[in-house]
C-alpha atoms as a PDB file:
ATOM      1  CA  MET A   1      12.666 -10.073  -6.660  1.00  0.00           C
ATOM      2  CA  LYS A   2       9.683 -10.129  -8.993  1.00  0.00           C
ATOM      3  CA  ILE A   3       7.181  -7.651  -7.627  1.00  0.00           C
ATOM      4  CA  ALA A   4       3.602  -7.029  -8.978  1.00  0.00           C
ATOM      5  CA  ILE A   5       2.249  -3.634  -8.182  1.00  0.00           C
ATOM      6  CA  ILE A   6      -1.647  -3.393  -8.617  1.00  0.00           C
ATOM      7  CA  GLY A   7      -2.369   0.401  -9.134  1.00  0.00           C
ATOM      8  CA  ALA A   8       1.136   1.128 -10.694  1.00  0.00           C
ATOM      9  CA  ALA A   9      -0.107   4.246 -12.295  1.00  0.00           C
ATOM     10  CA  GLY A  10      -1.598   5.941  -9.123  1.00  0.00           C
ATOM     11  CA  ARG A  11       0.335   8.327  -6.774  1.00  0.00           C
ATOM     12  CA  ALA A  12       1.662   5.823  -4.292  1.00  0.00           C
ATOM     13  CA  GLY A  13       1.949   3.120  -7.196  1.00  0.00           C
ATOM     14  CA  ARG A  14       4.284   5.244  -9.182  1.00  0.00           C
ATOM     15  CA  ARG A  15       6.796   5.867  -6.643  1.00  0.00           C
ATOM     16  CA  LEU A  16       6.627   2.294  -5.425  1.00  0.00           C
ATOM     17  CA  THR A  17       7.437   1.313  -8.943  1.00  0.00           C
ATOM     18  CA  ASP A  18      10.211   3.771  -9.070  1.00  0.00           C
ATOM     19  CA  GLU A  19      11.742   2.629  -5.773  1.00  0.00           C
ATOM     20  CA  ALA A  20      11.477  -1.025  -6.526  1.00  0.00           C
ATOM     21  CA  LEU A  21      13.210  -0.333 -10.143  1.00  0.00           C
ATOM     22  CA  ARG A  22      15.753   1.755  -8.360  1.00  0.00           C
ATOM     23  CA  ARG A  23      16.914  -1.310  -6.398  1.00  0.00           C
ATOM     24  CA  GLY A  24      17.081  -3.592  -9.358  1.00  0.00           C
ATOM     25  CA  HIS A  25      13.741  -5.637  -8.673  1.00  0.00           C
ATOM     26  CA  GLU A  26      11.705  -6.846 -11.631  1.00  0.00           C
ATOM     27  CA  VAL A  27       8.423  -5.020 -11.534  1.00  0.00           C
ATOM     28  CA  THR A  28       4.912  -5.909 -13.192  1.00  0.00           C
ATOM     29  CA  GLY A  29       2.786  -2.845 -13.109  1.00  0.00           C
ATOM     30  CA  ILE A  30      -0.750  -3.663 -13.256  1.00  0.00           C
ATOM     31  CA  VAL A  31      -3.141  -1.125 -14.369  1.00  0.00           C
ATOM     32  CA  ARG A  32      -6.681  -1.075 -15.923  1.00  0.00           C
ATOM     33  CA  ASP A  33      -5.538   1.008 -18.831  1.00  0.00           C
ATOM     34  CA  PRO A  34      -1.917  -0.072 -19.882  1.00  0.00           C
ATOM     35  CA  SER A  35      -1.611   3.276 -21.804  1.00  0.00           C
ATOM     36  CA  LYS A  36      -1.244   5.057 -18.378  1.00  0.00           C
ATOM     37  CA  LEU A  37       1.963   3.512 -17.795  1.00  0.00           C
ATOM     38  CA  ALA A  38       5.058   3.221 -20.140  1.00  0.00           C
ATOM     39  CA  ALA A  39       7.206   0.172 -20.268  1.00  0.00           C
ATOM     40  CA  ARG A  40      10.897   0.720 -19.298  1.00  0.00           C
ATOM     41  CA  PRO A  41      13.873  -1.370 -18.341  1.00  0.00           C
ATOM     42  CA  GLY A  42      12.955  -3.731 -15.347  1.00  0.00           C
ATOM     43  CA  LEU A  43       9.132  -2.795 -15.829  1.00  0.00           C
ATOM     44  CA  THR A  44       6.645  -4.878 -17.583  1.00  0.00           C
ATOM     45  CA  VAL A  45       3.180  -3.181 -17.945  1.00  0.00           C
ATOM     46  CA  ALA A  46      -0.069  -5.687 -17.599  1.00  0.00           C
ATOM     47  CA  ALA A  47      -3.697  -5.078 -17.923  1.00  0.00           C
ATOM     48  CA  GLY A  48      -5.535  -5.992 -14.806  1.00  0.00           C
ATOM     49  CA  ASP A  49      -8.996  -5.046 -13.146  1.00  0.00           C
ATOM     50  CA  VAL A  50      -9.654  -5.657  -9.411  1.00  0.00           C
ATOM     51  CA  ASP A  51     -13.295  -6.306 -10.175  1.00  0.00           C
ATOM     52  CA  ARG A  52     -12.236  -9.448 -12.247  1.00  0.00           C
ATOM     53  CA  PRO A  53     -10.101 -11.435  -9.757  1.00  0.00           C
ATOM     54  CA  GLU A  54      -9.949 -14.487 -11.978  1.00  0.00           C
ATOM     55  CA  ALA A  55      -8.013 -12.717 -14.562  1.00  0.00           C
ATOM     56  CA  LEU A  56      -6.070 -10.441 -12.277  1.00  0.00           C
ATOM     57  CA  ALA A  57      -4.860 -13.800 -10.459  1.00  0.00           C
ATOM     58  CA  LYS A  58      -3.304 -14.814 -13.743  1.00  0.00           C
ATOM     59  CA  ALA A  59      -1.318 -11.481 -13.973  1.00  0.00           C
ATOM     60  CA  LEU A  60      -0.084 -12.122 -10.391  1.00  0.00           C
ATOM     61  CA  ALA A  61       1.053 -15.665 -10.805  1.00  0.00           C
ATOM     62  CA  GLY A  62       4.662 -16.251 -10.550  1.00  0.00           C
ATOM     63  CA  HIS A  63       5.566 -13.160  -8.493  1.00  0.00           C
ATOM     64  CA  ASP A  64       7.431 -13.178  -5.280  1.00  0.00           C
ATOM     65  CA  VAL A  65       5.379 -10.181  -3.767  1.00  0.00           C
ATOM     66  CA  VAL A  66       2.314  -8.545  -4.632  1.00  0.00           C
ATOM     67  CA  ILE A  67       1.588  -4.860  -3.570  1.00  0.00           C
ATOM     68  CA  SER A  68      -1.848  -3.286  -3.842  1.00  0.00           C
ATOM     69  CA  ALA A  69      -1.949   0.512  -4.325  1.00  0.00           C
ATOM     70  CA  VAL A  70      -5.503   1.138  -5.150  1.00  0.00           C
ATOM     71  CA  MET A  71      -7.950   3.313  -3.317  1.00  0.00           C
ATOM     72  CA  PHE A  72     -10.186   1.489  -0.790  1.00  0.00           C
ATOM     73  CA  THR A  73     -13.320   3.364  -2.423  1.00  0.00           C
ATOM     74  CA  ALA A  74     -12.328   2.191  -5.992  1.00  0.00           C
ATOM     75  CA  ALA A  75     -12.085  -1.537  -5.324  1.00  0.00           C
ATOM     76  CA  ASP A  76     -13.691  -4.512  -3.175  1.00  0.00           C
ATOM     77  CA  PRO A  77     -10.845  -5.497  -0.927  1.00  0.00           C
ATOM     78  CA  ALA A  78     -12.373  -9.278  -0.766  1.00  0.00           C
ATOM     79  CA  ASN A  79     -11.783  -9.221  -4.658  1.00  0.00           C
ATOM     80  CA  ILE A  80      -8.138  -8.367  -4.395  1.00  0.00           C
ATOM     81  CA  LEU A  81      -7.583 -10.962  -1.601  1.00  0.00           C
ATOM     82  CA  LYS A  82      -9.329 -13.474  -3.778  1.00  0.00           C
ATOM     83  CA  ALA A  83      -7.174 -12.855  -6.789  1.00  0.00           C
ATOM     84  CA  VAL A  84      -3.942 -12.880  -4.367  1.00  0.00           C
ATOM     85  CA  ARG A  85      -4.968 -16.271  -3.106  1.00  0.00           C
ATOM     86  CA  ALA A  86      -5.727 -17.657  -6.372  1.00  0.00           C
ATOM     87  CA  SER A  87      -2.502 -16.443  -7.794  1.00  0.00           C
ATOM     88  CA  GLY A  88      -0.348 -18.305  -5.306  1.00  0.00           C
ATOM     89  CA  VAL A  89       1.612 -15.564  -4.099  1.00  0.00           C
ATOM     90  CA  LYS A  90       1.956 -15.552  -0.437  1.00  0.00           C
ATOM     91  CA  ARG A  91       3.727 -12.150   0.412  1.00  0.00           C
ATOM     92  CA  TYR A  92       1.298  -9.320   0.071  1.00  0.00           C
ATOM     93  CA  LEU A  93       1.606  -5.807   1.010  1.00  0.00           C
ATOM     94  CA  ALA A  94      -1.138  -2.978   1.081  1.00  0.00           C
ATOM     95  CA  VAL A  95      -0.870   0.700   0.911  1.00  0.00           C
ATOM     96  CA  GLY A  96      -2.999   1.618   3.882  1.00  0.00           C
ATOM     97  CA  GLY A  97      -4.429   4.959   5.184  1.00  0.00           C
ATOM     98  CA  ALA A  98      -3.916   7.009   8.139  1.00  0.00           C
ATOM     99  CA  GLY A  99      -7.481   6.933   9.303  1.00  0.00           C
ATOM    100  CA  SER A 100      -7.261   3.680  11.023  1.00  0.00           C
ATOM    101  CA  LEU A 101      -4.192   4.919  13.138  1.00  0.00           C
ATOM    102  CA  GLU A 102      -4.785   5.780  16.843  1.00  0.00           C
ATOM    103  CA  VAL A 103      -4.464   9.274  18.052  1.00  0.00           C
ATOM    104  CA  ALA A 104      -5.077   7.898  21.744  1.00  0.00           C
ATOM    105  CA  PRO A 105      -5.587   4.383  23.049  1.00  0.00           C
ATOM    106  CA  GLY A 106      -8.609   3.035  21.402  1.00  0.00           C
ATOM    107  CA  ALA A 107      -9.394   6.233  19.729  1.00  0.00           C
ATOM    108  CA  LEU A 108      -8.870   6.424  15.717  1.00  0.00           C
ATOM    109  CA  LEU A 109      -8.088   9.491  13.695  1.00  0.00           C
ATOM    110  CA  VAL A 110     -10.998   8.670  11.628  1.00  0.00           C
ATOM    111  CA  ASP A 111     -13.328   9.195  14.488  1.00  0.00           C
ATOM    112  CA  THR A 112     -12.096  12.516  15.621  1.00  0.00           C
ATOM    113  CA  PRO A 113     -14.426  15.544  15.144  1.00  0.00           C
ATOM    114  CA  GLU A 114     -11.943  17.511  12.918  1.00  0.00           C
ATOM    115  CA  PHE A 115     -11.362  14.525  10.434  1.00  0.00           C
ATOM    116  CA  PRO A 116     -12.166  15.962   6.726  1.00  0.00           C
ATOM    117  CA  ALA A 117     -15.536  14.788   5.701  1.00  0.00           C
ATOM    118  CA  PRO A 118     -14.549  14.373   2.001  1.00  0.00           C
ATOM    119  CA  TYR A 119     -11.980  11.576   3.200  1.00  0.00           C
ATOM    120  CA  LEU A 120     -14.260   9.684   5.498  1.00  0.00           C
ATOM    121  CA  ALA A 121     -15.455   6.994   2.987  1.00  0.00           C
ATOM    122  CA  GLU A 122     -11.728   6.205   1.922  1.00  0.00           C
ATOM    123  CA  ALA A 123     -10.687   6.201   5.723  1.00  0.00           C
ATOM    124  CA  ARG A 124     -13.353   3.813   6.766  1.00  0.00           C
ATOM    125  CA  GLY A 125     -12.619   1.587   3.760  1.00  0.00           C
ATOM    126  CA  GLY A 126      -9.020   1.569   4.897  1.00  0.00           C
ATOM    127  CA  LYS A 127     -10.134   0.654   8.394  1.00  0.00           C
ATOM    128  CA  ALA A 128     -12.393  -2.163   7.109  1.00  0.00           C
ATOM    129  CA  TYR A 129      -9.563  -3.619   4.822  1.00  0.00           C
ATOM    130  CA  LEU A 130      -7.328  -3.626   7.810  1.00  0.00           C
ATOM    131  CA  ASP A 131      -9.730  -5.719   9.767  1.00  0.00           C
ATOM    132  CA  LEU A 132     -10.067  -8.079   6.841  1.00  0.00           C
ATOM    133  CA  LEU A 133      -6.302  -8.530   6.542  1.00  0.00           C
ATOM    134  CA  ARG A 134      -6.149  -9.304  10.266  1.00  0.00           C
ATOM    135  CA  GLY A 135      -8.167 -12.404   9.637  1.00  0.00           C
ATOM    136  CA  ALA A 136      -6.174 -13.470   6.584  1.00  0.00           C
ATOM    137  CA  ASP A 137      -3.904 -16.145   8.471  1.00  0.00           C
ATOM    138  CA  ASP A 138      -3.152 -17.938   5.051  1.00  0.00           C
ATOM    139  CA  LEU A 139      -1.379 -14.820   3.635  1.00  0.00           C
ATOM    140  CA  ASP A 140       2.034 -13.199   4.765  1.00  0.00           C
ATOM    141  CA  TRP A 141       0.466  -9.756   4.709  1.00  0.00           C
ATOM    142  CA  THR A 142       1.591  -6.339   5.812  1.00  0.00           C
ATOM    143  CA  MET A 143      -0.054  -3.081   5.540  1.00  0.00           C
ATOM    144  CA  LEU A 144       1.825   0.317   5.541  1.00  0.00           C
ATOM    145  CA  SER A 145      -0.276   3.384   6.643  1.00  0.00           C
ATOM    146  CA  PRO A 146       0.981   6.699   5.808  1.00  0.00           C
ATOM    147  CA  SER A 147       0.850   9.760   8.043  1.00  0.00           C
ATOM    148  CA  ALA A 148      -1.997  12.174   8.118  1.00  0.00           C
ATOM    149  CA  TYR A 149      -0.555  14.561   5.357  1.00  0.00           C
ATOM    150  CA  PHE A 150       0.512  12.210   2.347  1.00  0.00           C
ATOM    151  CA  PHE A 151       2.009  14.352  -0.175  1.00  0.00           C
ATOM    152  CA  GLU A 152       4.233  14.491  -3.361  1.00  0.00           C
ATOM    153  CA  GLY A 153       7.447  15.523  -2.453  1.00  0.00           C
ATOM    154  CA  GLU A 154      11.167  14.227  -2.099  1.00  0.00           C
ATOM    155  CA  ARG A 155      12.945  11.046  -1.240  1.00  0.00           C
ATOM    156  CA  THR A 156      14.904  11.912   1.687  1.00  0.00           C
ATOM    157  CA  GLY A 157      15.310   8.452   3.123  1.00  0.00           C
ATOM    158  CA  THR A 158      15.070   9.935   6.614  1.00  0.00           C
ATOM    159  CA  PHE A 159      11.933   9.011   8.485  1.00  0.00           C
ATOM    160  CA  ARG A 160      10.493   7.263  11.615  1.00  0.00           C
ATOM    161  CA  LEU A 161       8.441   3.998  11.803  1.00  0.00           C
ATOM    162  CA  GLY A 162       5.772   3.325  14.271  1.00  0.00           C
ATOM    163  CA  GLY A 163       2.994   0.658  14.857  1.00  0.00           C
ATOM    164  CA  ASP A 164      -0.821   1.604  15.224  1.00  0.00           C
ATOM    165  CA  GLN A 165      -0.345   5.174  16.579  1.00  0.00           C
ATOM    166  CA  LEU A 166      -0.259   8.167  14.419  1.00  0.00           C
ATOM    167  CA  LEU A 167       3.262   9.736  14.232  1.00  0.00           C
ATOM    168  CA  VAL A 168       3.634  13.417  14.731  1.00  0.00           C
ATOM    169  CA  ASP A 169       6.646  15.610  14.981  1.00  0.00           C
ATOM    170  CA  ALA A 170       7.816  18.088  17.626  1.00  0.00           C
ATOM    171  CA  GLU A 171       5.359  20.697  16.207  1.00  0.00           C
ATOM    172  CA  GLY A 172       2.555  18.349  16.093  1.00  0.00           C
ATOM    173  CA  LYS A 173       2.628  17.688  12.419  1.00  0.00           C
ATOM    174  CA  SER A 174       1.845  14.333  10.935  1.00  0.00           C
ATOM    175  CA  ALA A 175       3.442  14.029   7.558  1.00  0.00           C
ATOM    176  CA  VAL A 176       5.433  11.843   4.959  1.00  0.00           C
ATOM    177  CA  SER A 177       5.985  11.986   1.168  1.00  0.00           C
ATOM    178  CA  TYR A 178       4.933   9.429  -1.340  1.00  0.00           C
ATOM    179  CA  GLU A 179       8.560   8.947  -2.033  1.00  0.00           C
ATOM    180  CA  ASP A 180       9.692   8.264   1.505  1.00  0.00           C
ATOM    181  CA  PHE A 181       6.620   6.017   2.044  1.00  0.00           C
ATOM    182  CA  ALA A 182       7.946   3.899  -0.983  1.00  0.00           C
ATOM    183  CA  VAL A 183      11.403   3.650   0.610  1.00  0.00           C
ATOM    184  CA  ALA A 184       9.720   2.231   3.849  1.00  0.00           C
ATOM    185  CA  LEU A 185       7.572  -0.327   1.915  1.00  0.00           C
ATOM    186  CA  ILE A 186      10.380  -1.654  -0.325  1.00  0.00           C
ATOM    187  CA  ASP A 187      12.525  -1.809   2.855  1.00  0.00           C
ATOM    188  CA  GLU A 188       9.861  -4.076   4.255  1.00  0.00           C
ATOM    189  CA  ILE A 189       9.885  -6.369   1.222  1.00  0.00           C
ATOM    190  CA  GLU A 190      13.577  -6.653   1.310  1.00  0.00           C
ATOM    191  CA  THR A 191      13.790  -7.047   5.109  1.00  0.00           C
ATOM    192  CA  PRO A 192      10.325  -8.229   6.523  1.00  0.00           C
ATOM    193  CA  ARG A 193       9.804  -6.921  10.004  1.00  0.00           C
ATOM    194  CA  HIS A 194       5.936  -6.600  10.074  1.00  0.00           C
ATOM    195  CA  VAL A 195       4.709  -9.752   8.616  1.00  0.00           C
ATOM    196  CA  LYS A 196       0.902 -10.313   9.539  1.00  0.00           C
ATOM    197  CA  GLY A 197       0.979  -6.748  11.000  1.00  0.00           C
ATOM    198  CA  ARG A 198       0.445  -2.986  10.250  1.00  0.00           C
ATOM    199  CA  PHE A 199       2.950  -0.242  10.707  1.00  0.00           C
ATOM    200  CA  THR A 200       3.193   3.549   9.804  1.00  0.00           C
ATOM    201  CA  VAL A 201       5.857   5.990   8.579  1.00  0.00           C
ATOM    202  CA  GLY A 202       6.188   9.601   9.205  1.00  0.00           C
ATOM    203  CA  TYR A 203       8.775  12.368   9.829  1.00  0.00           C
END
């Protein structure tokens, strides 16, 4: 498939690019500064700015799938969706956050007293974006939220999937590597199971 990745030079974006290329997909890495991402076999680097949706739409056009891997505090989600709609691409996936996951029925992780203050703005932005997507009936969207501890690690290929509840292991830890997150998201592209929905991944 032809996959466009917005924010391909970021921590999640780089792993998503690697995973998609590993599986033989054609990837267009869209970044504000093309010098931050080197072209390689299967990867085309294109300049794109989420604050300029008209120009971004042109870079997205002609792809089978668009992935957004940009931070919520760094972009207006409405602009991203405007660009995706204008591009004509219907399948859209977003890298979500853990803050909007439930830790108990109706109780979100971001609203817990122990949630780290430095990440509140990003987590609330992720929740707002999820709410926006849930009203996007014209797109075949999916959001994948990571576990609470999202770290640079290894690609094990062994993980669990969940719905709207935070995944924790037997020791009460909630974690997933960027590498395994990428596996789960590209799996969803190849075998869609959560169209018009959000899911999560963790160990």
